[in-house]
C-alpha cells in the first residue's frame, strides 16, 4: 500500500502546521502501538503473503478502505470540534474556520488513503 505512511505524515504535518494538534494526537492514539500507519493497516488484514499478487492487491484495497475511512471520519469530527472550540474561544474567526475546512482539511484527511496500491 504505497503512500500510506507518507500520506499519514502529510495529514499530521498539515494539521500541526495549522495549529490543530488534536487531530494528529487522535490519529496517533488510534494507530498505537504500531510503529507506522501502514503497519496498523496491515495488522487489520488477513495474512495474504501466499496469495496471487493480483488477488492480494484487491484484498488490500478492499479491506483497507473501510479502516482508513473510519480514521478519516474520526479526524474530520475531531477537526470540526476543534474548529468550533477555536471559534468559541475567539482564537479563529468563523470565516477562518470555514476557509480551513473548505480549502485545506479535505486534502489533508484524504492523504490518509495514500495510493492504495500493494508494495
Protein backbone atom coordinates (compact mmCIF):
# COMPACT_ATOMS: atom_id res chain seq x y z
CA UNK A 1 0.00 0.00 0.00
CA UNK A 2 2.17 2.72 -1.34
CA UNK A 3 1.99 6.12 0.15
CA UNK A 4 0.14 5.29 3.38
CA UNK A 5 2.91 6.38 5.71
CA UNK A 6 3.71 9.41 3.57
CA UNK A 7 0.03 10.33 3.41
CA UNK A 8 -0.33 9.90 7.16
CA UNK A 9 2.67 12.16 7.75
CA UNK A 10 1.32 14.75 5.32
CA UNK A 11 -2.00 14.76 7.16
CA UNK A 12 -0.34 15.05 10.58
CA UNK A 13 2.05 17.78 9.42
CA UNK A 14 -0.72 19.79 7.77
CA UNK A 15 -2.90 19.84 10.87
CA UNK A 16 0.09 20.52 13.12
CA UNK A 17 1.17 23.45 10.90
CA UNK A 18 -2.38 24.85 11.13
CA UNK A 19 -2.25 24.60 14.92
CA UNK A 20 -4.89 21.88 15.15
CA UNK A 21 -2.74 19.41 17.06
CA UNK A 22 -5.67 17.46 18.49
CA UNK A 23 -6.23 15.80 15.09
CA UNK A 24 -2.69 14.33 14.85
CA UNK A 25 -2.89 13.32 18.52
CA UNK A 26 -6.14 11.44 17.87
CA UNK A 27 -4.70 9.69 14.80
CA UNK A 28 -1.52 8.68 16.61
CA UNK A 29 -3.56 7.38 19.54
CA UNK A 30 -5.65 5.23 17.18
CA UNK A 31 -2.68 3.57 15.48
CA UNK A 32 -0.68 2.86 18.65
CA UNK A 33 1.13 0.61 19.45
CA UNK A 34 2.06 0.09 15.80
CA UNK A 35 5.25 1.69 14.54
CA UNK A 36 3.60 3.15 11.43
CA UNK A 37 0.26 3.76 9.79
CA UNK A 38 0.87 1.05 7.20
CA UNK A 39 1.77 -1.43 9.99
CA UNK A 40 -1.54 -0.58 11.67
CA UNK A 41 -3.48 -1.21 8.45
CA UNK A 42 -1.60 -4.45 7.69
CA UNK A 43 -2.29 -5.71 11.22
CA UNK A 44 -6.02 -5.50 10.50
CA UNK A 45 -5.84 -7.50 7.25
CA UNK A 46 -5.79 -11.30 6.88
CA UNK A 47 -2.44 -12.90 6.10
CA UNK A 48 -2.13 -12.92 2.32
CA UNK A 49 1.59 -13.42 1.73
CA UNK A 50 0.99 -16.62 -0.26
CA UNK A 51 -1.85 -15.26 -2.36
CA UNK A 52 -1.58 -14.43 -6.03
CA UNK A 53 -0.35 -10.82 -6.38
CA UNK A 54 -3.47 -9.65 -8.23
CA UNK A 55 -5.76 -11.08 -5.55
CA UNK A 56 -3.56 -9.70 -2.79
CA UNK A 57 -3.73 -6.18 -4.28
CA UNK A 58 -7.52 -6.36 -4.49
CA UNK A 59 -7.79 -7.73 -0.96
CA UNK A 60 -5.61 -4.95 0.41
CA UNK A 61 -7.51 -2.24 -1.43
CA UNK A 62 -10.96 -3.55 -0.48
CA UNK A 63 -10.24 -4.37 3.15
CA UNK A 64 -8.13 -1.32 3.94
CA UNK A 65 -10.61 1.25 2.59
CA UNK A 66 -13.11 0.90 5.47
CA UNK A 67 -10.28 1.04 8.04
CA UNK A 68 -8.86 4.20 6.54
CA UNK A 69 -12.29 5.74 6.05
CA UNK A 70 -13.07 5.16 9.74
CA UNK A 71 -9.93 7.11 10.71
CA UNK A 72 -10.77 9.81 8.16
CA UNK A 73 -14.22 10.21 9.71
CA UNK A 74 -12.75 10.45 13.22
CA UNK A 75 -10.21 13.02 12.02
CA UNK A 76 -12.98 15.06 10.38
CA UNK A 77 -15.12 15.01 13.54
CA UNK A 78 -12.15 15.99 15.73
CA UNK A 79 -11.20 18.77 13.30
CA UNK A 80 -14.76 20.09 13.28
CA UNK A 81 -14.94 20.05 17.08
CA UNK A 82 -11.55 21.76 17.38
CA UNK A 83 -12.56 24.47 14.91
CA UNK A 84 -15.78 25.05 16.86
CA UNK A 85 -13.78 25.36 20.11
CA UNK A 86 -11.39 27.83 18.48
CA UNK A 87 -14.21 29.96 17.12
CA UNK A 88 -15.97 29.93 20.52
CA UNK A 89 -12.72 30.99 22.21
CA UNK A 90 -12.22 33.78 19.65
CA UNK A 91 -8.93 32.23 18.52
CA UNK A 92 -10.22 31.89 14.94
CA UNK A 93 -12.97 33.72 13.19
CA UNK A 94 -15.90 31.79 11.77
CA UNK A 95 -14.68 32.70 8.28
CA UNK A 96 -11.16 31.40 9.01
CA UNK A 97 -12.56 28.12 10.33
CA UNK A 98 -14.83 27.68 7.33
CA UNK A 99 -12.00 28.52 4.94
CA UNK A 100 -9.72 25.93 6.54
CA UNK A 101 -12.45 23.28 6.50
CA UNK A 102 -13.39 24.02 2.89
CA UNK A 103 -9.96 24.61 1.37
CA UNK A 104 -7.40 22.53 3.28
CA UNK A 105 -8.89 19.93 5.61
CA UNK A 106 -10.29 17.59 2.96
CA UNK A 107 -6.96 17.29 1.18
CA UNK A 108 -5.16 16.62 4.46
CA UNK A 109 -7.64 13.96 5.55
CA UNK A 110 -7.75 12.32 2.11
CA UNK A 111 -3.96 11.97 2.25
CA UNK A 112 -4.61 9.10 4.68
CA UNK A 113 -5.68 6.97 1.73
CA UNK A 114 -2.22 7.03 0.12
CA UNK A 115 -2.42 5.43 -3.32
CA UNK A 116 -3.87 2.10 -2.13
CA UNK A 117 -1.52 0.01 -4.19
CA UNK A 118 0.35 -3.02 -2.92
CA UNK A 119 4.11 -2.72 -2.42
